[in-house]
Amino acid sequence: MSDELDGFAGKAEHWSETAYAAPDAYLTHRAALVASLGVALAAGDEVLDLACGDGGLGPRLLARGFAYRGVDAEPAMVEAARRRLGAGAVVDLGELDTYVPPAPVAATTVFRAIYYATDRQAFFARVRTFTRRKLVFDLNPRQYPVDRIVAELESAGFARVALRPFLVPQTKRVPIVALGPVGVLERTPPARLALRWRFTYLVAAVVD
């Protein structure tokens, strides 16, 4: 893990702007699903964003009226997130496998990082102890068996699991005006067929 963090340190500045071909569309759509998938969040709810990187998701969640707490294990990413978000959010230095917030949060998110958990089942169980509404993360179904992940979430104490194809590509530009049609397409059966070859699920594990 230390070697991977060293690699991220040099990319911290403007990470979100370079990691996605269309960062505004990608992160805006992600924030919309964090807000709505599985169970809706309400204004004032706190979202804990584990492995937050440079906090690129933060402004989109803050714009929806949520409180935002980011956490990352790379100090350079934490500093970049603090510069991006200013006094409007909290960003902590912390490890994915051990971080616990000072108080329970409404939702916990972890994007492009679930595979860093040393023990995924233990990670789900720990997150369940401080998450009041839902855990939201992305999942590549070609890499991880969906049925196994659902079983692990249920074993950790989550009551139900919602799955939504996420069809905004990371490496190809999509105009933000296309998010409406993309959202409609994600709800259709062909969207799940597309996941056999590319794209990911967004998973919402709901507490109750």
N, C-alpha and C. Protein backbone atom coordinates (compact mmCIF):
# COMPACT_ATOMS: atom_id res chain seq x y z
N MET A 1 0.82 -1.21 0.00
CA MET A 1 0.00 0.00 0.00
C MET A 1 0.85 1.25 0.00
N SER A 2 1.99 1.27 0.70
CA SER A 2 2.83 2.45 0.77
C SER A 2 3.33 2.87 -0.61
N ASP A 3 3.68 1.88 -1.46
CA ASP A 3 4.13 2.21 -2.81
C ASP A 3 3.01 2.85 -3.61
N GLU A 4 1.78 2.35 -3.43
CA GLU A 4 0.64 2.92 -4.14
C GLU A 4 0.39 4.35 -3.69
N LEU A 5 0.52 4.62 -2.37
CA LEU A 5 0.33 5.96 -1.86
C LEU A 5 1.39 6.90 -2.39
N ASP A 6 2.63 6.42 -2.48
CA ASP A 6 3.69 7.24 -3.04
C ASP A 6 3.34 7.68 -4.46
N GLY A 7 2.73 6.78 -5.22
CA GLY A 7 2.33 7.11 -6.58
C GLY A 7 1.25 8.18 -6.60
N PHE A 8 0.32 8.15 -5.65
CA PHE A 8 -0.74 9.14 -5.59
C PHE A 8 -0.24 10.50 -5.13
N ALA A 9 0.80 10.52 -4.33
CA ALA A 9 1.28 11.78 -3.77
C ALA A 9 1.63 12.78 -4.87
N GLY A 10 2.29 12.31 -5.92
CA GLY A 10 2.70 13.19 -6.99
C GLY A 10 1.56 13.61 -7.90
N LYS A 11 0.38 13.00 -7.73
CA LYS A 11 -0.76 13.30 -8.59
C LYS A 11 -1.86 14.06 -7.85
N ALA A 12 -1.59 14.44 -6.60
CA ALA A 12 -2.65 14.99 -5.76
C ALA A 12 -3.22 16.29 -6.29
N GLU A 13 -2.35 17.18 -6.76
CA GLU A 13 -2.84 18.46 -7.25
C GLU A 13 -3.63 18.25 -8.55
N HIS A 14 -4.89 18.70 -8.53
CA HIS A 14 -5.78 18.57 -9.70
C HIS A 14 -6.03 17.10 -10.07
N TRP A 15 -6.03 16.22 -9.10
CA TRP A 15 -6.29 14.81 -9.35
C TRP A 15 -7.63 14.60 -10.06
N SER A 16 -8.70 15.20 -9.54
CA SER A 16 -10.02 14.98 -10.13
C SER A 16 -10.08 15.50 -11.56
N GLU A 17 -9.39 16.60 -11.84
CA GLU A 17 -9.44 17.18 -13.17
C GLU A 17 -8.69 16.35 -14.20
N THR A 18 -7.76 15.51 -13.74
CA THR A 18 -6.99 14.69 -14.67
C THR A 18 -7.41 13.22 -14.66
N ALA A 19 -8.07 12.77 -13.60
CA ALA A 19 -8.47 11.36 -13.50
C ALA A 19 -9.71 11.04 -14.32
N TYR A 20 -10.49 12.07 -14.68
CA TYR A 20 -11.73 11.85 -15.42
C TYR A 20 -11.73 12.72 -16.67
N ALA A 21 -12.20 12.16 -17.77
CA ALA A 21 -12.26 12.93 -19.01
C ALA A 21 -13.25 14.09 -18.90
N ALA A 22 -14.34 13.87 -18.17
CA ALA A 22 -15.36 14.91 -17.96
C ALA A 22 -15.70 14.93 -16.47
N PRO A 23 -14.82 15.51 -15.65
CA PRO A 23 -15.00 15.41 -14.19
C PRO A 23 -16.32 15.99 -13.70
N ASP A 24 -16.80 17.08 -14.30
CA ASP A 24 -18.04 17.68 -13.80
C ASP A 24 -19.21 16.72 -13.99
N ALA A 25 -19.34 16.15 -15.19
CA ALA A 25 -20.43 15.21 -15.45
C ALA A 25 -20.30 13.96 -14.58
N TYR A 26 -19.08 13.42 -14.51
CA TYR A 26 -18.86 12.17 -13.78
C TYR A 26 -19.19 12.35 -12.29
N LEU A 27 -18.65 13.39 -11.68
CA LEU A 27 -18.82 13.57 -10.24
C LEU A 27 -20.21 14.09 -9.89
N THR A 28 -20.81 14.87 -10.78
CA THR A 28 -22.19 15.32 -10.54
C THR A 28 -23.14 14.13 -10.54
N HIS A 29 -22.96 13.21 -11.47
CA HIS A 29 -23.83 12.02 -11.53
C HIS A 29 -23.59 11.13 -10.32
N ARG A 30 -22.35 11.00 -9.92
CA ARG A 30 -22.04 10.20 -8.73
C ARG A 30 -22.71 10.81 -7.50
N ALA A 31 -22.63 12.11 -7.35
CA ALA A 31 -23.25 12.77 -6.20
C ALA A 31 -24.77 12.58 -6.20
N ALA A 32 -25.39 12.63 -7.39
CA ALA A 32 -26.83 12.44 -7.47
C ALA A 32 -27.24 11.05 -6.98
N LEU A 33 -26.43 10.05 -7.30
CA LEU A 33 -26.76 8.69 -6.87
C LEU A 33 -26.43 8.48 -5.39
N VAL A 34 -25.39 9.12 -4.90
CA VAL A 34 -25.14 9.08 -3.45
C VAL A 34 -26.36 9.61 -2.71
N ALA A 35 -26.95 10.66 -3.25
CA ALA A 35 -28.11 11.28 -2.60
C ALA A 35 -29.36 10.42 -2.66
N SER A 36 -29.53 9.65 -3.75
CA SER A 36 -30.83 9.03 -3.99
C SER A 36 -30.86 7.50 -3.95
N LEU A 37 -29.77 6.83 -4.26
CA LEU A 37 -29.82 5.38 -4.45
C LEU A 37 -30.09 4.66 -3.14
N GLY A 38 -31.01 3.70 -3.19
CA GLY A 38 -31.30 2.88 -2.01
C GLY A 38 -32.26 3.53 -1.05
N VAL A 39 -31.86 4.66 -0.49
CA VAL A 39 -32.70 5.48 0.38
C VAL A 39 -32.21 6.91 0.23
N ALA A 40 -33.13 7.85 0.19
CA ALA A 40 -32.76 9.25 -0.05
C ALA A 40 -32.15 9.88 1.19
N LEU A 41 -31.14 10.69 0.98
CA LEU A 41 -30.57 11.49 2.06
C LEU A 41 -31.31 12.82 2.12
N ALA A 42 -31.22 13.49 3.27
CA ALA A 42 -31.88 14.77 3.48
C ALA A 42 -30.84 15.86 3.71
N ALA A 43 -31.21 17.09 3.41
CA ALA A 43 -30.32 18.21 3.65
C ALA A 43 -29.85 18.20 5.10
N GLY A 44 -28.57 18.43 5.29
CA GLY A 44 -27.99 18.40 6.63
C GLY A 44 -27.37 17.07 6.99
N ASP A 45 -27.69 16.01 6.27
CA ASP A 45 -27.06 14.71 6.53
C ASP A 45 -25.56 14.80 6.26
N GLU A 46 -24.79 14.07 7.06
CA GLU A 46 -23.35 14.06 6.86
C GLU A 46 -22.93 12.85 6.05
N VAL A 47 -22.10 13.09 5.04
CA VAL A 47 -21.55 12.03 4.21
C VAL A 47 -20.06 11.90 4.52
N LEU A 48 -19.65 10.69 4.88
CA LEU A 48 -18.23 10.38 5.11
C LEU A 48 -17.68 9.75 3.84
N ASP A 49 -16.71 10.42 3.22
CA ASP A 49 -16.15 9.98 1.95
C ASP A 49 -14.77 9.37 2.20
N LEU A 50 -14.72 8.05 2.36
CA LEU A 50 -13.46 7.36 2.60
C LEU A 50 -12.66 7.26 1.30
N ALA A 51 -11.33 7.36 1.41
CA ALA A 51 -10.46 7.39 0.23
C ALA A 51 -10.91 8.51 -0.70
N CYS A 52 -11.04 9.70 -0.15
CA CYS A 52 -11.65 10.83 -0.85
C CYS A 52 -10.74 11.46 -1.89
N GLY A 53 -9.46 11.10 -1.92
CA GLY A 53 -8.55 11.74 -2.86
C GLY A 53 -8.47 13.23 -2.60
N ASP A 54 -8.58 14.02 -3.65
CA ASP A 54 -8.48 15.48 -3.50
C ASP A 54 -9.82 16.13 -3.21
N GLY A 55 -10.80 15.33 -2.79
CA GLY A 55 -12.10 15.88 -2.39
C GLY A 55 -12.96 16.34 -3.54
N GLY A 56 -12.75 15.80 -4.74
CA GLY A 56 -13.51 16.25 -5.90
C GLY A 56 -15.01 16.05 -5.78
N LEU A 57 -15.43 15.03 -5.04
CA LEU A 57 -16.86 14.80 -4.86
C LEU A 57 -17.47 15.79 -3.88
N GLY A 58 -16.64 16.35 -3.01
CA GLY A 58 -17.12 17.21 -1.94
C GLY A 58 -17.99 18.38 -2.39
N PRO A 59 -17.55 19.21 -3.36
CA PRO A 59 -18.38 20.35 -3.75
C PRO A 59 -19.75 19.94 -4.28
N ARG A 60 -19.84 18.80 -4.94
CA ARG A 60 -21.13 18.35 -5.47
C ARG A 60 -22.07 17.91 -4.35
N LEU A 61 -21.53 17.33 -3.30
CA LEU A 61 -22.37 16.94 -2.16
C LEU A 61 -22.74 18.15 -1.31
N LEU A 62 -21.80 19.06 -1.12
CA LEU A 62 -22.10 20.28 -0.38
C LEU A 62 -23.19 21.08 -1.08
N ALA A 63 -23.17 21.09 -2.41
CA ALA A 63 -24.18 21.83 -3.17
C ALA A 63 -25.58 21.26 -2.97
N ARG A 64 -25.66 20.01 -2.57
CA ARG A 64 -26.95 19.37 -2.29
C ARG A 64 -27.39 19.55 -0.85
N GLY A 65 -26.61 20.29 -0.08
CA GLY A 65 -27.00 20.58 1.30
C GLY A 65 -26.50 19.59 2.33
N PHE A 66 -25.62 18.67 1.92
CA PHE A 66 -25.08 17.70 2.87
C PHE A 66 -23.84 18.26 3.55
N ALA A 67 -23.55 17.76 4.74
CA ALA A 67 -22.25 17.99 5.37
C ALA A 67 -21.28 16.96 4.82
N TYR A 68 -20.02 17.36 4.68
CA TYR A 68 -19.04 16.48 4.03
C TYR A 68 -17.82 16.32 4.92
N ARG A 69 -17.41 15.06 5.11
CA ARG A 69 -16.17 14.73 5.81
C ARG A 69 -15.38 13.78 4.91
N GLY A 70 -14.22 14.23 4.44
CA GLY A 70 -13.37 13.40 3.62
C GLY A 70 -12.25 12.78 4.43
N VAL A 71 -11.80 11.62 3.99
CA VAL A 71 -10.69 10.92 4.65
C VAL A 71 -9.81 10.30 3.58
N ASP A 72 -8.51 10.48 3.71
CA ASP A 72 -7.59 9.83 2.79
C ASP A 72 -6.30 9.50 3.54
N ALA A 73 -5.63 8.43 3.08
CA ALA A 73 -4.39 7.98 3.72
C ALA A 73 -3.16 8.71 3.20
N GLU A 74 -3.30 9.44 2.10
CA GLU A 74 -2.17 10.14 1.50
C GLU A 74 -2.18 11.61 1.93
N PRO A 75 -1.16 12.06 2.67
CA PRO A 75 -1.15 13.45 3.16
C PRO A 75 -1.29 14.48 2.05
N ALA A 76 -0.68 14.23 0.89
CA ALA A 76 -0.77 15.21 -0.20
C ALA A 76 -2.21 15.32 -0.71
N MET A 77 -2.94 14.21 -0.74
CA MET A 77 -4.35 14.25 -1.13
C MET A 77 -5.17 15.01 -0.10
N VAL A 78 -4.89 14.78 1.18
CA VAL A 78 -5.61 15.48 2.24
C VAL A 78 -5.41 16.99 2.11
N GLU A 79 -4.18 17.40 1.88
CA GLU A 79 -3.90 18.83 1.72
C GLU A 79 -4.60 19.40 0.49
N ALA A 80 -4.61 18.63 -0.61
CA ALA A 80 -5.29 19.10 -1.82
C ALA A 80 -6.79 19.22 -1.58
N ALA A 81 -7.38 18.27 -0.85
CA ALA A 81 -8.81 18.32 -0.54
C ALA A 81 -9.13 19.51 0.36
N ARG A 82 -8.26 19.77 1.33
CA ARG A 82 -8.50 20.93 2.21
C ARG A 82 -8.44 22.23 1.43
N ARG A 83 -7.52 22.34 0.48
CA ARG A 83 -7.45 23.56 -0.33
C ARG A 83 -8.70 23.69 -1.20
N ARG A 84 -9.17 22.57 -1.75
CA ARG A 84 -10.35 22.61 -2.61
C ARG A 84 -11.60 23.01 -1.83
N LEU A 85 -11.76 22.47 -0.63
CA LEU A 85 -13.02 22.61 0.11
C LEU A 85 -13.01 23.74 1.12
N GLY A 86 -11.84 24.19 1.54
CA GLY A 86 -11.76 25.28 2.49
C GLY A 86 -12.45 24.96 3.80
N ALA A 87 -13.06 25.99 4.39
CA ALA A 87 -13.70 25.83 5.69
C ALA A 87 -15.07 25.17 5.61
N GLY A 88 -15.51 24.87 4.40
CA GLY A 88 -16.85 24.31 4.24
C GLY A 88 -16.97 22.84 4.53
N ALA A 89 -15.85 22.17 4.80
CA ALA A 89 -15.88 20.72 5.04
C ALA A 89 -14.70 20.33 5.92
N VAL A 90 -14.75 19.11 6.43
CA VAL A 90 -13.67 18.54 7.24
C VAL A 90 -12.98 17.47 6.40
N VAL A 91 -11.66 17.48 6.41
CA VAL A 91 -10.90 16.43 5.72
C VAL A 91 -9.84 15.91 6.70
N ASP A 92 -9.88 14.60 6.96
CA ASP A 92 -8.98 13.97 7.92
C ASP A 92 -7.98 13.05 7.22
N LEU A 93 -6.83 12.90 7.83
CA LEU A 93 -5.86 11.88 7.41
C LEU A 93 -6.24 10.59 8.12
N GLY A 94 -6.44 9.50 7.36
CA GLY A 94 -6.84 8.25 7.99
C GLY A 94 -6.78 7.09 7.04
N GLU A 95 -6.66 5.90 7.59
CA GLU A 95 -6.56 4.67 6.81
C GLU A 95 -7.94 4.07 6.56
N LEU A 96 -8.12 3.53 5.38
CA LEU A 96 -9.38 2.90 5.02
C LEU A 96 -9.76 1.80 6.00
N ASP A 97 -8.79 1.03 6.47
CA ASP A 97 -9.06 -0.14 7.31
C ASP A 97 -9.29 0.20 8.78
N THR A 98 -9.00 1.42 9.19
CA THR A 98 -9.06 1.71 10.63
C THR A 98 -9.85 2.96 10.99
N TYR A 99 -10.10 3.85 10.05
CA TYR A 99 -10.71 5.14 10.39
C TYR A 99 -12.13 4.96 10.92
N VAL A 100 -12.41 5.68 12.01
CA VAL A 100 -13.76 5.75 12.58
C VAL A 100 -14.07 7.23 12.82
N PRO A 101 -15.19 7.74 12.33
CA PRO A 101 -15.51 9.15 12.53
C PRO A 101 -15.82 9.45 13.99
N PRO A 102 -15.73 10.71 14.39
CA PRO A 102 -15.99 11.06 15.80
C PRO A 102 -17.43 10.86 16.22
N ALA A 103 -18.35 10.79 15.26
CA ALA A 103 -19.76 10.54 15.54
C ALA A 103 -20.35 9.81 14.35
N PRO A 104 -21.46 9.09 14.54
CA PRO A 104 -22.08 8.39 13.40
C PRO A 104 -22.44 9.36 12.27
N VAL A 105 -22.43 8.84 11.04
CA VAL A 105 -22.75 9.64 9.86
C VAL A 105 -23.97 9.04 9.17
N ALA A 106 -24.64 9.84 8.36
CA ALA A 106 -25.81 9.32 7.64
C ALA A 106 -25.39 8.34 6.56
N ALA A 107 -24.33 8.67 5.84
CA ALA A 107 -23.89 7.82 4.73
C ALA A 107 -22.38 7.77 4.69
N THR A 108 -21.87 6.63 4.26
CA THR A 108 -20.44 6.45 4.02
C THR A 108 -20.26 6.10 2.56
N THR A 109 -19.28 6.70 1.91
CA THR A 109 -18.97 6.36 0.53
C THR A 109 -17.51 5.92 0.42
N VAL A 110 -17.25 5.08 -0.56
CA VAL A 110 -15.87 4.70 -0.88
C VAL A 110 -15.83 4.36 -2.36
N PHE A 111 -15.14 5.21 -3.14
CA PHE A 111 -15.13 5.06 -4.59
C PHE A 111 -13.72 4.75 -5.10
N ARG A 112 -13.66 3.81 -6.03
CA ARG A 112 -12.41 3.38 -6.65
C ARG A 112 -11.40 2.93 -5.60
N ALA A 113 -11.88 2.35 -4.50
CA ALA A 113 -10.97 2.00 -3.42
C ALA A 113 -11.40 0.80 -2.59
N ILE A 114 -12.56 0.21 -2.88
CA ILE A 114 -13.03 -0.89 -2.03
C ILE A 114 -12.04 -2.04 -2.04
N TYR A 115 -11.30 -2.20 -3.14
CA TYR A 115 -10.34 -3.29 -3.26
C TYR A 115 -9.10 -3.07 -2.42
N TYR A 116 -8.94 -1.88 -1.82
CA TYR A 116 -7.82 -1.64 -0.92
C TYR A 116 -8.08 -2.18 0.49
N ALA A 117 -9.32 -2.50 0.81
CA ALA A 117 -9.63 -3.03 2.15
C ALA A 117 -8.90 -4.35 2.36
N THR A 118 -8.17 -4.46 3.45
CA THR A 118 -7.41 -5.68 3.74
C THR A 118 -8.34 -6.87 3.94
N ASP A 119 -9.44 -6.64 4.65
CA ASP A 119 -10.46 -7.67 4.90
C ASP A 119 -11.81 -7.02 4.59
N ARG A 120 -12.35 -7.31 3.43
CA ARG A 120 -13.56 -6.62 2.98
C ARG A 120 -14.75 -6.86 3.92
N GLN A 121 -14.92 -8.09 4.39
CA GLN A 121 -16.03 -8.39 5.29
C GLN A 121 -15.90 -7.59 6.59
N ALA A 122 -14.70 -7.52 7.13
CA ALA A 122 -14.47 -6.74 8.35
C ALA A 122 -14.69 -5.25 8.08
N PHE A 123 -14.30 -4.80 6.90
CA PHE A 123 -14.52 -3.40 6.53
C PHE A 123 -16.01 -3.08 6.52
N PHE A 124 -16.81 -3.93 5.87
CA PHE A 124 -18.26 -3.71 5.84
C PHE A 124 -18.84 -3.67 7.25
N ALA A 125 -18.41 -4.60 8.09
CA ALA A 125 -18.94 -4.67 9.45
C ALA A 125 -18.57 -3.42 10.25
N ARG A 126 -17.36 -2.92 10.09
CA ARG A 126 -16.93 -1.72 10.82
C ARG A 126 -17.70 -0.50 10.33
N VAL A 127 -17.86 -0.37 9.01
CA VAL A 127 -18.61 0.77 8.47
C VAL A 127 -20.05 0.75 8.97
N ARG A 128 -20.61 -0.43 9.08
CA ARG A 128 -22.00 -0.55 9.56
C ARG A 128 -22.16 0.03 10.97
N THR A 129 -21.13 -0.04 11.80
CA THR A 129 -21.25 0.44 13.18
C THR A 129 -21.41 1.95 13.28
N PHE A 130 -20.93 2.69 12.28
CA PHE A 130 -21.04 4.16 12.38
C PHE A 130 -21.86 4.79 11.26
N THR A 131 -22.53 3.98 10.44
CA THR A 131 -23.32 4.48 9.33
C THR A 131 -24.81 4.28 9.62
N ARG A 132 -25.57 5.38 9.64
CA ARG A 132 -26.98 5.31 10.05
C ARG A 132 -27.93 4.98 8.90
N ARG A 133 -27.58 5.38 7.65
CA ARG A 133 -28.52 5.19 6.55
C ARG A 133 -28.01 4.21 5.50
N LYS A 134 -26.81 4.47 4.94
CA LYS A 134 -26.35 3.59 3.85
C LYS A 134 -24.86 3.76 3.59
N LEU A 135 -24.30 2.71 3.01
CA LEU A 135 -22.95 2.69 2.47
C LEU A 135 -23.07 2.66 0.95
N VAL A 136 -22.33 3.54 0.27
CA VAL A 136 -22.38 3.61 -1.19
C VAL A 136 -20.97 3.45 -1.75
N PHE A 137 -20.82 2.54 -2.72
CA PHE A 137 -19.51 2.33 -3.33
C PHE A 137 -19.69 1.82 -4.75
N ASP A 138 -18.60 1.84 -5.52
CA ASP A 138 -18.65 1.32 -6.87
C ASP A 138 -18.07 -0.08 -6.92
N LEU A 139 -18.57 -0.88 -7.85
CA LEU A 139 -18.20 -2.30 -7.92
C LEU A 139 -18.10 -2.74 -9.37
N ASN A 140 -16.97 -3.31 -9.71
CA ASN A 140 -16.77 -3.88 -11.05
C ASN A 140 -17.25 -5.34 -11.02
N PRO A 141 -18.37 -5.66 -11.67
CA PRO A 141 -18.91 -7.02 -11.59
C PRO A 141 -18.08 -8.04 -12.35
N ARG A 142 -17.16 -7.58 -13.17
CA ARG A 142 -16.28 -8.51 -13.88
C ARG A 142 -15.08 -8.90 -13.00
N GLN A 143 -14.90 -8.18 -11.92
CA GLN A 143 -13.80 -8.44 -11.00
C GLN A 143 -14.28 -9.10 -9.71
N TYR A 144 -15.48 -8.74 -9.25
CA TYR A 144 -16.01 -9.27 -7.99
C TYR A 144 -17.39 -9.85 -8.22
N PRO A 145 -17.65 -11.08 -7.78
CA PRO A 145 -18.99 -11.67 -7.91
C PRO A 145 -20.01 -10.86 -7.11
N VAL A 146 -21.03 -10.37 -7.78
CA VAL A 146 -22.00 -9.50 -7.13
C VAL A 146 -22.72 -10.24 -6.01
N ASP A 147 -23.10 -11.50 -6.23
CA ASP A 147 -23.81 -12.25 -5.19
C ASP A 147 -22.98 -12.37 -3.91
N ARG A 148 -21.68 -12.54 -4.06
CA ARG A 148 -20.81 -12.65 -2.89
C ARG A 148 -20.76 -11.33 -2.13
N ILE A 149 -20.66 -10.22 -2.83
CA ILE A 149 -20.61 -8.90 -2.19
C ILE A 149 -21.93 -8.64 -1.45
N VAL A 150 -23.05 -8.95 -2.08
CA VAL A 150 -24.34 -8.76 -1.43
C VAL A 150 -24.43 -9.60 -0.16
N ALA A 151 -23.98 -10.84 -0.23
CA ALA A 151 -24.00 -11.71 0.95
C ALA A 151 -23.13 -11.15 2.07
N GLU A 152 -21.98 -10.61 1.73
CA GLU A 152 -21.10 -10.02 2.74
C GLU A 152 -21.75 -8.80 3.39
N LEU A 153 -22.42 -7.99 2.60
CA LEU A 153 -23.10 -6.81 3.14
C LEU A 153 -24.24 -7.22 4.08
N GLU A 154 -24.99 -8.21 3.68
CA GLU A 154 -26.08 -8.68 4.53
C GLU A 154 -25.54 -9.29 5.82
N SER A 155 -24.43 -10.01 5.72
CA SER A 155 -23.81 -10.58 6.91
C SER A 155 -23.29 -9.50 7.85
N ALA A 156 -22.89 -8.35 7.29
CA ALA A 156 -22.40 -7.24 8.10
C ALA A 156 -23.52 -6.46 8.77
N GLY A 157 -24.77 -6.78 8.44
CA GLY A 157 -25.89 -6.14 9.11
C GLY A 157 -26.68 -5.14 8.28
N PHE A 158 -26.36 -5.02 6.99
CA PHE A 158 -27.15 -4.14 6.13
C PHE A 158 -28.44 -4.86 5.74
N ALA A 159 -29.54 -4.13 5.73
CA ALA A 159 -30.85 -4.77 5.56
C ALA A 159 -31.16 -5.10 4.10
N ARG A 160 -30.72 -4.26 3.18
CA ARG A 160 -30.97 -4.52 1.76
C ARG A 160 -29.92 -3.82 0.92
N VAL A 161 -29.81 -4.25 -0.34
CA VAL A 161 -28.77 -3.73 -1.23
C VAL A 161 -29.41 -3.33 -2.55
N ALA A 162 -29.15 -2.10 -2.99
CA ALA A 162 -29.61 -1.61 -4.30
C ALA A 162 -28.41 -1.51 -5.23
N LEU A 163 -28.61 -1.95 -6.47
CA LEU A 163 -27.56 -1.92 -7.48
C LEU A 163 -28.01 -1.06 -8.65
N ARG A 164 -27.13 -0.18 -9.13
CA ARG A 164 -27.48 0.69 -10.26
C ARG A 164 -26.29 0.76 -11.22
N PRO A 165 -26.45 0.36 -12.47
CA PRO A 165 -25.37 0.58 -13.44
C PRO A 165 -24.99 2.06 -13.48
N PHE A 166 -23.70 2.32 -13.57
CA PHE A 166 -23.20 3.69 -13.65
C PHE A 166 -22.55 3.83 -15.03
N LEU A 167 -23.22 4.54 -15.94
CA LEU A 167 -22.84 4.52 -17.34
C LEU A 167 -22.10 5.77 -17.81
N VAL A 168 -21.70 6.63 -16.90
CA VAL A 168 -20.86 7.76 -17.30
C VAL A 168 -19.42 7.25 -17.36
N PRO A 169 -18.79 7.26 -18.52
CA PRO A 169 -17.44 6.69 -18.62
C PRO A 169 -16.40 7.59 -17.95
N GLN A 170 -15.36 6.96 -17.45
CA GLN A 170 -14.29 7.71 -16.79
C GLN A 170 -13.35 8.34 -17.80
N THR A 171 -13.12 7.68 -18.94
CA THR A 171 -12.07 8.10 -19.85
C THR A 171 -12.58 8.72 -21.15
N LYS A 172 -13.89 8.91 -21.29
CA LYS A 172 -14.45 9.55 -22.47
C LYS A 172 -15.34 10.71 -22.04
N ARG A 173 -15.27 11.80 -22.77
CA ARG A 173 -16.02 13.00 -22.39
C ARG A 173 -17.52 12.80 -22.61
N VAL A 174 -18.28 13.19 -21.60
CA VAL A 174 -19.74 13.19 -21.68
C VAL A 174 -20.21 14.56 -21.22
N PRO A 175 -20.99 15.28 -22.05
CA PRO A 175 -21.48 16.60 -21.61
C PRO A 175 -22.47 16.45 -20.46
N ILE A 176 -22.47 17.42 -19.58
CA ILE A 176 -23.34 17.32 -18.41
C ILE A 176 -24.81 17.29 -18.80
N VAL A 177 -25.16 17.84 -19.98
CA VAL A 177 -26.55 17.81 -20.43
C VAL A 177 -27.00 16.40 -20.78
N ALA A 178 -26.06 15.47 -20.94
CA ALA A 178 -26.41 14.10 -21.28
C ALA A 178 -26.77 13.27 -20.05
N LEU A 179 -26.63 13.83 -18.84
CA LEU A 179 -26.86 13.03 -17.64
C LEU A 179 -28.32 12.59 -17.51
N GLY A 180 -29.26 13.39 -17.98
CA GLY A 180 -30.66 12.98 -17.93
C GLY A 180 -30.91 11.71 -18.72
N PRO A 181 -30.56 11.68 -20.02
CA PRO A 181 -30.73 10.45 -20.80
C PRO A 181 -29.92 9.28 -20.24
N VAL A 182 -28.72 9.54 -19.75
CA VAL A 182 -27.93 8.46 -19.17
C VAL A 182 -28.64 7.87 -17.96
N GLY A 183 -29.22 8.73 -17.13
CA GLY A 183 -29.94 8.25 -15.95
C GLY A 183 -31.13 7.38 -16.32
N VAL A 184 -31.82 7.73 -17.40
CA VAL A 184 -32.94 6.91 -17.86
C VAL A 184 -32.43 5.56 -18.36
N LEU A 185 -31.35 5.58 -19.13
CA LEU A 185 -30.79 4.34 -19.68
C LEU A 185 -30.32 3.40 -18.57
N GLU A 186 -29.78 3.95 -17.50
CA GLU A 186 -29.28 3.12 -16.41
C GLU A 186 -30.37 2.28 -15.76
N ARG A 187 -31.61 2.68 -15.91
CA ARG A 187 -32.72 1.96 -15.30
C ARG A 187 -33.29 0.87 -16.20
N THR A 188 -32.72 0.67 -17.37
CA THR A 188 -33.26 -0.30 -18.33
C THR A 188 -32.43 -1.58 -18.31
N PRO A 189 -33.04 -2.72 -18.72
CA PRO A 189 -32.30 -3.99 -18.75
C PRO A 189 -31.02 -3.97 -19.59
N PRO A 190 -30.99 -3.27 -20.75
CA PRO A 190 -29.74 -3.27 -21.52
C PRO A 190 -28.55 -2.69 -20.75
N ALA A 191 -28.81 -1.83 -19.79
CA ALA A 191 -27.71 -1.26 -19.01
C ALA A 191 -26.97 -2.35 -18.26
N ARG A 192 -27.69 -3.29 -17.71
CA ARG A 192 -27.03 -4.38 -16.97
C ARG A 192 -26.27 -5.30 -17.93
N LEU A 193 -26.78 -5.45 -19.13
CA LEU A 193 -26.04 -6.24 -20.12
C LEU A 193 -24.71 -5.60 -20.46
N ALA A 194 -24.69 -4.27 -20.51
CA ALA A 194 -23.46 -3.56 -20.85
C ALA A 194 -22.35 -3.82 -19.83
N LEU A 195 -22.74 -4.13 -18.59
CA LEU A 195 -21.74 -4.36 -17.55
C LEU A 195 -20.96 -5.66 -17.75
N ARG A 196 -21.37 -6.47 -18.69
CA ARG A 196 -20.58 -7.66 -19.01
C ARG A 196 -19.23 -7.28 -19.64
N TRP A 197 -19.18 -6.08 -20.23
CA TRP A 197 -17.98 -5.68 -20.97
C TRP A 197 -17.29 -4.46 -20.37
N ARG A 198 -18.07 -3.51 -19.81
CA ARG A 198 -17.46 -2.31 -19.24
C ARG A 198 -18.43 -1.66 -18.26
N PHE A 199 -18.02 -0.58 -17.66
CA PHE A 199 -18.78 0.17 -16.67
C PHE A 199 -18.84 -0.59 -15.33
N THR A 200 -19.42 0.06 -14.34
CA THR A 200 -19.50 -0.51 -12.99
C THR A 200 -20.91 -0.34 -12.44
N TYR A 201 -21.16 -1.05 -11.34
CA TYR A 201 -22.36 -0.79 -10.55
C TYR A 201 -22.05 0.27 -9.50
N LEU A 202 -23.05 1.06 -9.15
CA LEU A 202 -23.04 1.77 -7.89
C LEU A 202 -23.90 0.95 -6.93
N VAL A 203 -23.36 0.68 -5.77
CA VAL A 203 -24.01 -0.16 -4.77
C VAL A 203 -24.40 0.68 -3.58
N ALA A 204 -25.64 0.57 -3.14
CA ALA A 204 -26.09 1.21 -1.91
C ALA A 204 -26.55 0.13 -0.95
N ALA A 205 -25.81 -0.04 0.13
CA ALA A 205 -26.19 -1.00 1.18
C ALA A 205 -26.91 -0.22 2.26
N VAL A 206 -28.20 -0.49 2.39
CA VAL A 206 -29.09 0.31 3.25
C VAL A 206 -29.19 -0.33 4.62
N VAL A 207 -29.16 0.51 5.64
CA VAL A 207 -29.18 0.01 7.01
C VAL A 207 -30.57 -0.52 7.36
N ASP A 208 -31.62 0.24 7.04
CA ASP A 208 -32.98 -0.26 7.33
C ASP A 208 -33.99 0.38 6.39
